[in-house]
């Protein structure tokens, strides 16, 4: 089974990410109607709602993590991921459950 890691980006525009802990589960939800990115995948944590997006740019994808574009066809409309690393105030790496 392939190990797929993603970077969550944009948390600094919402709730930050300093409250996330290793092992937390986040929900990945495709957002095909996103006017900025037709491969957008939002990251949701209840009760907060959307906390960020799966990174989809060479400037925001960390290391060998998958971009939203690479991940998009590997998941259904929704998937789960487990937080592996909270790197700083705006970077989180998760392992996707495929």
PDB file of N, CA and C in Angstrom:
ATOM      1  N   UNK A   1       0.834  -1.185   0.000  1.00  0.00           N
ATOM      2  CA  UNK A   1       0.000   0.000   0.000  1.00  0.00           C
ATOM      3  C   UNK A   1       0.880   1.250   0.000  1.00  0.00           C
ATOM      4  N   UNK A   2       0.543   2.173  -0.859  1.00  0.00           N
ATOM      5  CA  UNK A   2       1.312   3.400  -1.022  1.00  0.00           C
ATOM      6  C   UNK A   2       1.101   4.344   0.165  1.00  0.00           C
ATOM      7  N   UNK A   3       2.186   4.922   0.660  1.00  0.00           N
ATOM      8  CA  UNK A   3       2.084   5.928   1.721  1.00  0.00           C
ATOM      9  C   UNK A   3       1.967   7.293   1.068  1.00  0.00           C
ATOM     10  N   UNK A   4       0.907   8.006   1.408  1.00  0.00           N
ATOM     11  CA  UNK A   4       0.669   9.323   0.820  1.00  0.00           C
ATOM     12  C   UNK A   4       0.630  10.369   1.925  1.00  0.00           C
ATOM     13  N   UNK A   5       1.496  11.353   1.792  1.00  0.00           N
ATOM     14  CA  UNK A   5       1.535  12.466   2.732  1.00  0.00           C
ATOM     15  C   UNK A   5       1.118  13.745   2.020  1.00  0.00           C
ATOM     16  N   UNK A   6       0.470  14.633   2.769  1.00  0.00           N
ATOM     17  CA  UNK A   6       0.043  15.923   2.225  1.00  0.00           C
ATOM     18  C   UNK A   6       0.474  17.039   3.164  1.00  0.00           C
ATOM     19  N   UNK A   7       0.527  18.235   2.627  1.00  0.00           N
ATOM     20  CA  UNK A   7       0.769  19.437   3.422  1.00  0.00           C
ATOM     21  C   UNK A   7      -0.535  20.217   3.497  1.00  0.00           C
ATOM     22  N   UNK A   8      -0.909  20.634   4.701  1.00  0.00           N
ATOM     23  CA  UNK A   8      -2.064  21.524   4.855  1.00  0.00           C
ATOM     24  C   UNK A   8      -1.532  22.949   4.807  1.00  0.00           C
ATOM     25  N   UNK A   9      -2.160  23.781   4.008  1.00  0.00           N
ATOM     26  CA  UNK A   9      -1.756  25.169   3.878  1.00  0.00           C
ATOM     27  C   UNK A   9      -2.945  26.087   4.172  1.00  0.00           C
ATOM     28  N   UNK A  10      -2.652  27.343   4.444  1.00  0.00           N
ATOM     29  CA  UNK A  10      -3.704  28.339   4.649  1.00  0.00           C
ATOM     30  C   UNK A  10      -4.280  28.390   6.045  1.00  0.00           C
ATOM     31  N   UNK A  11      -3.720  27.615   6.971  1.00  0.00           N
ATOM     32  CA  UNK A  11      -4.275  27.620   8.332  1.00  0.00           C
ATOM     33  C   UNK A  11      -4.132  28.986   8.996  1.00  0.00           C
ATOM     34  N   UNK A  12      -3.119  29.746   8.598  1.00  0.00           N
ATOM     35  CA  UNK A  12      -2.889  31.055   9.209  1.00  0.00           C
ATOM     36  C   UNK A  12      -4.018  32.038   8.897  1.00  0.00           C
ATOM     37  N   UNK A  13      -4.834  31.749   7.887  1.00  0.00           N
ATOM     38  CA  UNK A  13      -5.949  32.623   7.528  1.00  0.00           C
ATOM     39  C   UNK A  13      -7.233  32.244   8.255  1.00  0.00           C
ATOM     40  N   UNK A  14      -7.184  31.180   9.043  1.00  0.00           N
ATOM     41  CA  UNK A  14      -8.380  30.718   9.747  1.00  0.00           C
ATOM     42  C   UNK A  14      -8.120  30.605  11.242  1.00  0.00           C
ATOM     43  N   UNK A  15      -7.841  29.403  11.716  1.00  0.00           N
ATOM     44  CA  UNK A  15      -7.700  29.149  13.159  1.00  0.00           C
ATOM     45  C   UNK A  15      -6.258  28.900  13.592  1.00  0.00           C
ATOM     46  N   UNK A  16      -5.308  29.040  12.668  1.00  0.00           N
ATOM     47  CA  UNK A  16      -3.936  28.668  12.984  1.00  0.00           C
ATOM     48  C   UNK A  16      -3.832  27.155  13.034  1.00  0.00           C
ATOM     49  N   UNK A  17      -2.704  26.645  13.483  1.00  0.00           N
ATOM     50  CA  UNK A  17      -2.566  25.187  13.584  1.00  0.00           C
ATOM     51  C   UNK A  17      -1.855  24.755  14.857  1.00  0.00           C
ATOM     52  N   UNK A  18      -1.578  25.698  15.751  1.00  0.00           N
ATOM     53  CA  UNK A  18      -0.851  25.345  16.977  1.00  0.00           C
ATOM     54  C   UNK A  18      -1.664  24.448  17.903  1.00  0.00           C
ATOM     55  N   UNK A  19      -2.953  24.343  17.698  1.00  0.00           N
ATOM     56  CA  UNK A  19      -3.820  23.493  18.506  1.00  0.00           C
ATOM     57  C   UNK A  19      -3.884  22.058  17.971  1.00  0.00           C
ATOM     58  N   UNK A  20      -3.412  21.820  16.732  1.00  0.00           N
ATOM     59  CA  UNK A  20      -3.394  20.469  16.175  1.00  0.00           C
ATOM     60  C   UNK A  20      -2.296  19.644  16.842  1.00  0.00           C
ATOM     61  N   UNK A  21      -2.575  18.364  17.018  1.00  0.00           N
ATOM     62  CA  UNK A  21      -1.613  17.456  17.654  1.00  0.00           C
ATOM     63  C   UNK A  21      -1.395  16.234  16.774  1.00  0.00           C
ATOM     64  N   UNK A  22      -0.211  15.663  16.882  1.00  0.00           N
ATOM     65  CA  UNK A  22       0.102  14.415  16.175  1.00  0.00           C
ATOM     66  C   UNK A  22      -0.969  13.384  16.526  1.00  0.00           C
ATOM     67  N   UNK A  23      -1.496  12.736  15.511  1.00  0.00           N
ATOM     68  CA  UNK A  23      -2.529  11.720  15.725  1.00  0.00           C
ATOM     69  C   UNK A  23      -3.949  12.223  15.498  1.00  0.00           C
ATOM     70  N   UNK A  24      -4.135  13.552  15.463  1.00  0.00           N
ATOM     71  CA  UNK A  24      -5.464  14.100  15.177  1.00  0.00           C
ATOM     72  C   UNK A  24      -5.903  13.674  13.774  1.00  0.00           C
ATOM     73  N   UNK A  25      -7.202  13.455  13.622  1.00  0.00           N
ATOM     74  CA  UNK A  25      -7.768  13.083  12.324  1.00  0.00           C
ATOM     75  C   UNK A  25      -8.435  14.311  11.714  1.00  0.00           C
ATOM     76  N   UNK A  26      -8.145  14.551  10.436  1.00  0.00           N
ATOM     77  CA  UNK A  26      -8.776  15.632   9.685  1.00  0.00           C
ATOM     78  C   UNK A  26      -9.511  15.016   8.497  1.00  0.00           C
ATOM     79  N   UNK A  27     -10.529  15.701   8.031  1.00  0.00           N
ATOM     80  CA  UNK A  27     -11.316  15.226   6.891  1.00  0.00           C
ATOM     81  C   UNK A  27     -10.942  16.039   5.663  1.00  0.00           C
ATOM     82  N   UNK A  28     -10.699  15.347   4.558  1.00  0.00           N
ATOM     83  CA  UNK A  28     -10.363  15.988   3.282  1.00  0.00           C
ATOM     84  C   UNK A  28     -11.606  15.935   2.399  1.00  0.00           C
ATOM     85  N   UNK A  29     -12.035  17.092   1.914  1.00  0.00           N
ATOM     86  CA  UNK A  29     -13.273  17.170   1.123  1.00  0.00           C
ATOM     87  C   UNK A  29     -12.982  17.893  -0.189  1.00  0.00           C
ATOM     88  N   UNK A  30     -13.242  17.204  -1.297  1.00  0.00           N
ATOM     89  CA  UNK A  30     -13.053  17.845  -2.601  1.00  0.00           C
ATOM     90  C   UNK A  30     -14.003  19.035  -2.731  1.00  0.00           C
ATOM     91  N   UNK A  31     -13.519  20.074  -3.377  1.00  0.00           N
ATOM     92  CA  UNK A  31     -14.301  21.292  -3.572  1.00  0.00           C
ATOM     93  C   UNK A  31     -14.248  21.660  -5.064  1.00  0.00           C
ATOM     94  N   UNK A  32     -14.946  20.891  -5.924  1.00  0.00           N
ATOM     95  CA  UNK A  32     -14.842  21.083  -7.369  1.00  0.00           C
ATOM     96  C   UNK A  32     -15.355  22.436  -7.863  1.00  0.00           C
ATOM     97  N   UNK A  33     -16.173  23.110  -7.081  1.00  0.00           N
ATOM     98  CA  UNK A  33     -16.705  24.418  -7.485  1.00  0.00           C
ATOM     99  C   UNK A  33     -15.837  25.584  -7.016  1.00  0.00           C
ATOM    100  N   UNK A  34     -14.649  25.287  -6.470  1.00  0.00           N
ATOM    101  CA  UNK A  34     -13.753  26.340  -6.014  1.00  0.00           C
ATOM    102  C   UNK A  34     -13.341  27.199  -7.210  1.00  0.00           C
ATOM    103  N   UNK A  35     -13.569  28.512  -7.126  1.00  0.00           N
ATOM    104  CA  UNK A  35     -13.313  29.378  -8.283  1.00  0.00           C
ATOM    105  C   UNK A  35     -11.827  29.632  -8.538  1.00  0.00           C
ATOM    106  N   UNK A  36     -10.958  29.275  -7.588  1.00  0.00           N
ATOM    107  CA  UNK A  36      -9.524  29.503  -7.755  1.00  0.00           C
ATOM    108  C   UNK A  36      -8.757  28.256  -8.180  1.00  0.00           C
ATOM    109  N   UNK A  37      -9.311  27.058  -7.858  1.00  0.00           N
ATOM    110  CA  UNK A  37      -8.584  25.814  -8.106  1.00  0.00           C
ATOM    111  C   UNK A  37      -9.591  24.684  -8.284  1.00  0.00           C
ATOM    112  N   UNK A  38      -9.698  24.129  -9.488  1.00  0.00           N
ATOM    113  CA  UNK A  38     -10.678  23.067  -9.730  1.00  0.00           C
ATOM    114  C   UNK A  38     -10.255  21.724  -9.145  1.00  0.00           C
ATOM    115  N   UNK A  39      -9.070  21.656  -8.548  1.00  0.00           N
ATOM    116  CA  UNK A  39      -8.620  20.454  -7.834  1.00  0.00           C
ATOM    117  C   UNK A  39      -8.499  20.722  -6.338  1.00  0.00           C
ATOM    118  N   UNK A  40      -9.201  21.722  -5.856  1.00  0.00           N
ATOM    119  CA  UNK A  40      -9.107  22.108  -4.440  1.00  0.00           C
ATOM    120  C   UNK A  40      -9.664  21.003  -3.544  1.00  0.00           C
ATOM    121  N   UNK A  41      -8.935  20.770  -2.449  1.00  0.00           N
ATOM    122  CA  UNK A  41      -9.379  19.831  -1.424  1.00  0.00           C
ATOM    123  C   UNK A  41      -9.283  20.568  -0.092  1.00  0.00           C
ATOM    124  N   UNK A  42     -10.440  20.847   0.513  1.00  0.00           N
ATOM    125  CA  UNK A  42     -10.414  21.552   1.791  1.00  0.00           C
ATOM    126  C   UNK A  42     -10.194  20.566   2.925  1.00  0.00           C
ATOM    127  N   UNK A  43      -9.635  21.079   4.018  1.00  0.00           N
ATOM    128  CA  UNK A  43      -9.355  20.284   5.200  1.00  0.00           C
ATOM    129  C   UNK A  43     -10.314  20.747   6.287  1.00  0.00           C
ATOM    130  N   UNK A  44     -11.092  19.800   6.817  1.00  0.00           N
ATOM    131  CA  UNK A  44     -12.161  20.120   7.763  1.00  0.00           C
ATOM    132  C   UNK A  44     -11.910  19.424   9.095  1.00  0.00           C
ATOM    133  N   UNK A  45     -12.110  20.172  10.179  1.00  0.00           N
ATOM    134  CA  UNK A  45     -12.075  19.625  11.532  1.00  0.00           C
ATOM    135  C   UNK A  45     -13.286  20.187  12.256  1.00  0.00           C
ATOM    136  N   UNK A  46     -14.120  19.297  12.774  1.00  0.00           N
ATOM    137  CA  UNK A  46     -15.280  19.765  13.547  1.00  0.00           C
ATOM    138  C   UNK A  46     -14.830  20.080  14.959  1.00  0.00           C
ATOM    139  N   UNK A  47     -15.320  21.109  15.602  1.00  0.00           N
ATOM    140  CA  UNK A  47     -16.423  21.979  15.219  1.00  0.00           C
ATOM    141  C   UNK A  47     -15.971  23.233  14.457  1.00  0.00           C
ATOM    142  N   UNK A  48     -14.718  23.305  14.060  1.00  0.00           N
ATOM    143  CA  UNK A  48     -14.182  24.511  13.440  1.00  0.00           C
ATOM    144  C   UNK A  48     -14.604  24.702  11.976  1.00  0.00           C
ATOM    145  N   UNK A  49     -14.867  23.604  11.274  1.00  0.00           N
ATOM    146  CA  UNK A  49     -15.137  23.687   9.842  1.00  0.00           C
ATOM    147  C   UNK A  49     -13.827  23.650   9.068  1.00  0.00           C
ATOM    148  N   UNK A  50     -13.756  24.383   7.982  1.00  0.00           N
ATOM    149  CA  UNK A  50     -12.553  24.394   7.144  1.00  0.00           C
ATOM    150  C   UNK A  50     -11.408  25.077   7.874  1.00  0.00           C
ATOM    151  N   UNK A  51     -10.276  24.357   7.975  1.00  0.00           N
ATOM    152  CA  UNK A  51      -9.099  24.928   8.650  1.00  0.00           C
ATOM    153  C   UNK A  51      -7.992  25.259   7.663  1.00  0.00           C
ATOM    154  N   UNK A  52      -8.125  24.818   6.419  1.00  0.00           N
ATOM    155  CA  UNK A  52      -7.120  25.069   5.400  1.00  0.00           C
ATOM    156  C   UNK A  52      -7.407  24.224   4.181  1.00  0.00           C
ATOM    157  N   UNK A  53      -6.385  24.068   3.331  1.00  0.00           N
ATOM    158  CA  UNK A  53      -6.514  23.295   2.094  1.00  0.00           C
ATOM    159  C   UNK A  53      -5.283  22.426   1.911  1.00  0.00           C
ATOM    160  N   UNK A  54      -5.445  21.343   1.143  1.00  0.00           N
ATOM    161  CA  UNK A  54      -4.281  20.544   0.741  1.00  0.00           C
ATOM    162  C   UNK A  54      -3.472  21.416  -0.212  1.00  0.00           C
ATOM    163  N   UNK A  55      -2.200  21.580   0.098  1.00  0.00           N
ATOM    164  CA  UNK A  55      -1.321  22.435  -0.714  1.00  0.00           C
ATOM    165  C   UNK A  55      -1.322  21.954  -2.169  1.00  0.00           C
ATOM    166  N   UNK A  56      -1.304  22.915  -3.102  1.00  0.00           N
ATOM    167  CA  UNK A  56      -1.330  22.564  -4.519  1.00  0.00           C
ATOM    168  C   UNK A  56      -0.352  23.419  -5.322  1.00  0.00           C
ATOM    169  N   UNK A  57       0.672  23.916  -4.664  1.00  0.00           N
ATOM    170  CA  UNK A  57       1.653  24.775  -5.321  1.00  0.00           C
ATOM    171  C   UNK A  57       3.052  24.333  -4.921  1.00  0.00           C
ATOM    172  N   UNK A  58       4.000  24.493  -5.833  1.00  0.00           N
ATOM    173  CA  UNK A  58       5.384  24.145  -5.498  1.00  0.00           C
ATOM    174  C   UNK A  58       5.910  24.989  -4.342  1.00  0.00           C
ATOM    175  N   UNK A  59       5.293  26.129  -4.096  1.00  0.00           N
ATOM    176  CA  UNK A  59       5.714  26.995  -2.986  1.00  0.00           C
ATOM    177  C   UNK A  59       5.173  26.529  -1.646  1.00  0.00           C
ATOM    178  N   UNK A  60       4.110  25.715  -1.649  1.00  0.00           N
ATOM    179  CA  UNK A  60       3.487  25.326  -0.382  1.00  0.00           C
ATOM    180  C   UNK A  60       3.558  23.837  -0.073  1.00  0.00           C
ATOM    181  N   UNK A  61       3.831  22.995  -1.075  1.00  0.00           N
ATOM    182  CA  UNK A  61       3.962  21.558  -0.842  1.00  0.00           C
ATOM    183  C   UNK A  61       5.339  21.296  -0.243  1.00  0.00           C
ATOM    184  N   UNK A  62       5.370  20.618   0.890  1.00  0.00           N
ATOM    185  CA  UNK A  62       6.632  20.334   1.581  1.00  0.00           C
ATOM    186  C   UNK A  62       7.218  19.006   1.093  1.00  0.00           C
ATOM    187  N   UNK A  63       8.486  19.042   0.720  1.00  0.00           N
ATOM    188  CA  UNK A  63       9.229  17.831   0.354  1.00  0.00           C
ATOM    189  C   UNK A  63       8.537  16.969  -0.678  1.00  0.00           C
ATOM    190  N   UNK A  64       8.356  15.686  -0.346  1.00  0.00           N
ATOM    191  CA  UNK A  64       7.747  14.727  -1.272  1.00  0.00           C
ATOM    192  C   UNK A  64       6.252  14.545  -1.034  1.00  0.00           C
ATOM    193  N   UNK A  65       5.647  15.447  -0.287  1.00  0.00           N
ATOM    194  CA  UNK A  65       4.196  15.375  -0.074  1.00  0.00           C
ATOM    195  C   UNK A  65       3.468  15.492  -1.409  1.00  0.00           C
ATOM    196  N   UNK A  66       2.298  14.889  -1.473  1.00  0.00           N
ATOM    197  CA  UNK A  66       1.452  15.008  -2.658  1.00  0.00           C
ATOM    198  C   UNK A  66       0.813  16.387  -2.690  1.00  0.00           C
ATOM    199  N   UNK A  67       0.667  16.934  -3.869  1.00  0.00           N
ATOM    200  CA  UNK A  67      -0.130  18.146  -4.058  1.00  0.00           C
ATOM    201  C   UNK A  67      -1.587  17.723  -4.150  1.00  0.00           C
ATOM    202  N   UNK A  68      -2.507  18.679  -4.050  1.00  0.00           N
ATOM    203  CA  UNK A  68      -3.924  18.372  -4.214  1.00  0.00           C
ATOM    204  C   UNK A  68      -4.178  17.762  -5.592  1.00  0.00           C
ATOM    205  N   UNK A  69      -3.484  18.258  -6.611  1.00  0.00           N
ATOM    206  CA  UNK A  69      -3.647  17.729  -7.963  1.00  0.00           C
ATOM    207  C   UNK A  69      -3.252  16.264  -8.078  1.00  0.00           C
ATOM    208  N   UNK A  70      -2.170  15.869  -7.428  1.00  0.00           N
ATOM    209  CA  UNK A  70      -1.739  14.457  -7.447  1.00  0.00           C
ATOM    210  C   UNK A  70      -2.671  13.581  -6.635  1.00  0.00           C
ATOM    211  N   UNK A  71      -3.241  14.128  -5.565  1.00  0.00           N
ATOM    212  CA  UNK A  71      -4.115  13.366  -4.672  1.00  0.00           C
ATOM    213  C   UNK A  71      -5.531  13.236  -5.206  1.00  0.00           C
ATOM    214  N   UNK A  72      -5.971  14.204  -5.978  1.00  0.00           N
ATOM    215  CA  UNK A  72      -7.386  14.363  -6.347  1.00  0.00           C
ATOM    216  C   UNK A  72      -8.029  13.077  -6.872  1.00  0.00           C
ATOM    217  N   UNK A  73      -7.381  12.364  -7.764  1.00  0.00           N
ATOM    218  CA  UNK A  73      -7.959  11.156  -8.349  1.00  0.00           C
ATOM    219  C   UNK A  73      -7.700   9.893  -7.531  1.00  0.00           C
ATOM    220  N   UNK A  74      -6.985  10.018  -6.431  1.00  0.00           N
ATOM    221  CA  UNK A  74      -6.685   8.855  -5.588  1.00  0.00           C
ATOM    222  C   UNK A  74      -7.681   8.695  -4.443  1.00  0.00           C
ATOM    223  N   UNK A  75      -8.539   9.714  -4.234  1.00  0.00           N
ATOM    224  CA  UNK A  75      -9.530   9.646  -3.161  1.00  0.00           C
ATOM    225  C   UNK A  75     -10.921   9.825  -3.759  1.00  0.00           C
ATOM    226  N   UNK A  76     -11.927   9.464  -2.986  1.00  0.00           N
ATOM    227  CA  UNK A  76     -13.304   9.732  -3.390  1.00  0.00           C
ATOM    228  C   UNK A  76     -13.613  11.193  -3.113  1.00  0.00           C
ATOM    229  N   UNK A  77     -14.884  11.504  -2.920  1.00  0.00           N
ATOM    230  CA  UNK A  77     -15.273  12.881  -2.620  1.00  0.00           C
ATOM    231  C   UNK A  77     -14.727  13.338  -1.276  1.00  0.00           C
ATOM    232  N   UNK A  78     -14.503  12.375  -0.367  1.00  0.00           N
ATOM    233  CA  UNK A  78     -13.946  12.671   0.953  1.00  0.00           C
ATOM    234  C   UNK A  78     -12.939  11.597   1.333  1.00  0.00           C
ATOM    235  N   UNK A  79     -12.040  11.955   2.233  1.00  0.00           N
ATOM    236  CA  UNK A  79     -11.071  11.009   2.775  1.00  0.00           C
ATOM    237  C   UNK A  79     -10.646  11.518   4.148  1.00  0.00           C
ATOM    238  N   UNK A  80      -9.902  10.703   4.868  1.00  0.00           N
ATOM    239  CA  UNK A  80      -9.356  11.110   6.164  1.00  0.00           C
ATOM    240  C   UNK A  80      -7.840  11.118   6.097  1.00  0.00           C
ATOM    241  N   UNK A  81      -7.252  11.934   6.949  1.00  0.00           N
ATOM    242  CA  UNK A  81      -5.798  11.974   7.080  1.00  0.00           C
ATOM    243  C   UNK A  81      -5.463  12.138   8.551  1.00  0.00           C
ATOM    244  N   UNK A  82      -4.302  11.644   8.928  1.00  0.00           N
ATOM    245  CA  UNK A  82      -3.844  11.729  10.319  1.00  0.00           C
ATOM    246  C   UNK A  82      -2.676  12.693  10.395  1.00  0.00           C
ATOM    247  N   UNK A  83      -2.746  13.630  11.328  1.00  0.00           N
ATOM    248  CA  UNK A  83      -1.667  14.598  11.518  1.00  0.00           C
ATOM    249  C   UNK A  83      -0.405  13.858  11.965  1.00  0.00           C
ATOM    250  N   UNK A  84       0.680  14.088  11.251  1.00  0.00           N
ATOM    251  CA  UNK A  84       1.980  13.512  11.602  1.00  0.00           C
ATOM    252  C   UNK A  84       2.920  14.546  12.198  1.00  0.00           C
ATOM    253  N   UNK A  85       2.922  15.765  11.623  1.00  0.00           N
ATOM    254  CA  UNK A  85       3.829  16.817  12.089  1.00  0.00           C
ATOM    255  C   UNK A  85       3.149  18.173  12.012  1.00  0.00           C
ATOM    256  N   UNK A  86       3.295  18.949  13.073  1.00  0.00           N
ATOM    257  CA  UNK A  86       2.927  20.361  13.051  1.00  0.00           C
ATOM    258  C   UNK A  86       4.252  21.099  13.076  1.00  0.00           C
ATOM    259  N   UNK A  87       4.648  21.657  11.919  1.00  0.00           N
ATOM    260  CA  UNK A  87       6.002  22.179  11.753  1.00  0.00           C
ATOM    261  C   UNK A  87       6.182  23.609  12.224  1.00  0.00           C
ATOM    262  N   UNK A  88       5.192  24.438  12.003  1.00  0.00           N
ATOM    263  CA  UNK A  88       5.237  25.807  12.502  1.00  0.00           C
ATOM    264  C   UNK A  88       3.821  26.351  12.485  1.00  0.00           C
ATOM    265  N   UNK A  89       3.668  27.652  12.574  1.00  0.00           N
ATOM    266  CA  UNK A  89       2.342  28.243  12.683  1.00  0.00           C
ATOM    267  C   UNK A  89       1.494  28.082  11.422  1.00  0.00           C
ATOM    268  N   UNK A  90       2.094  27.615  10.335  1.00  0.00           N
ATOM    269  CA  UNK A  90       1.307  27.519   9.109  1.00  0.00           C
ATOM    270  C   UNK A  90       1.604  26.261   8.280  1.00  0.00           C
ATOM    271  N   UNK A  91       2.250  25.251   8.850  1.00  0.00           N
ATOM    272  CA  UNK A  91       2.588  24.053   8.080  1.00  0.00           C
ATOM    273  C   UNK A  91       2.287  22.797   8.879  1.00  0.00           C
ATOM    274  N   UNK A  92       1.477  21.942   8.273  1.00  0.00           N
ATOM    275  CA  UNK A  92       1.102  20.672   8.893  1.00  0.00           C
ATOM    276  C   UNK A  92       1.263  19.585   7.836  1.00  0.00           C
ATOM    277  N   UNK A  93       1.849  18.444   8.231  1.00  0.00           N
ATOM    278  CA  UNK A  93       1.985  17.304   7.339  1.00  0.00           C
ATOM    279  C   UNK A  93       1.123  16.171   7.878  1.00  0.00           C
ATOM    280  N   UNK A  94       0.319  15.563   6.984  1.00  0.00           N
ATOM    281  CA  UNK A  94      -0.583  14.484   7.370  1.00  0.00           C
ATOM    282  C   UNK A  94      -0.369  13.278   6.461  1.00  0.00           C
ATOM    283  N   UNK A  95      -0.697  12.101   6.995  1.00  0.00           N
ATOM    284  CA  UNK A  95      -0.687  10.871   6.208  1.00  0.00           C
ATOM    285  C   UNK A  95      -2.131  10.565   5.825  1.00  0.00           C
ATOM    286  N   UNK A  96      -2.376  10.389   4.543  1.00  0.00           N
ATOM    287  CA  UNK A  96      -3.729  10.155   4.029  1.00  0.00           C
ATOM    288  C   UNK A  96      -4.091   8.690   4.186  1.00  0.00           C
ATOM    289  N   UNK A  97      -5.320   8.444   4.648  1.00  0.00           N
ATOM    290  CA  UNK A  97      -5.840   7.078   4.714  1.00  0.00           C
ATOM    291  C   UNK A  97      -6.524   6.787   3.383  1.00  0.00           C
ATOM    292  N   UNK A  98      -5.888   5.924   2.560  1.00  0.00           N
ATOM    293  CA  UNK A  98      -6.439   5.612   1.245  1.00  0.00           C
ATOM    294  C   UNK A  98      -7.021   4.214   1.278  1.00  0.00           C
TER     295      UNK A  98
END
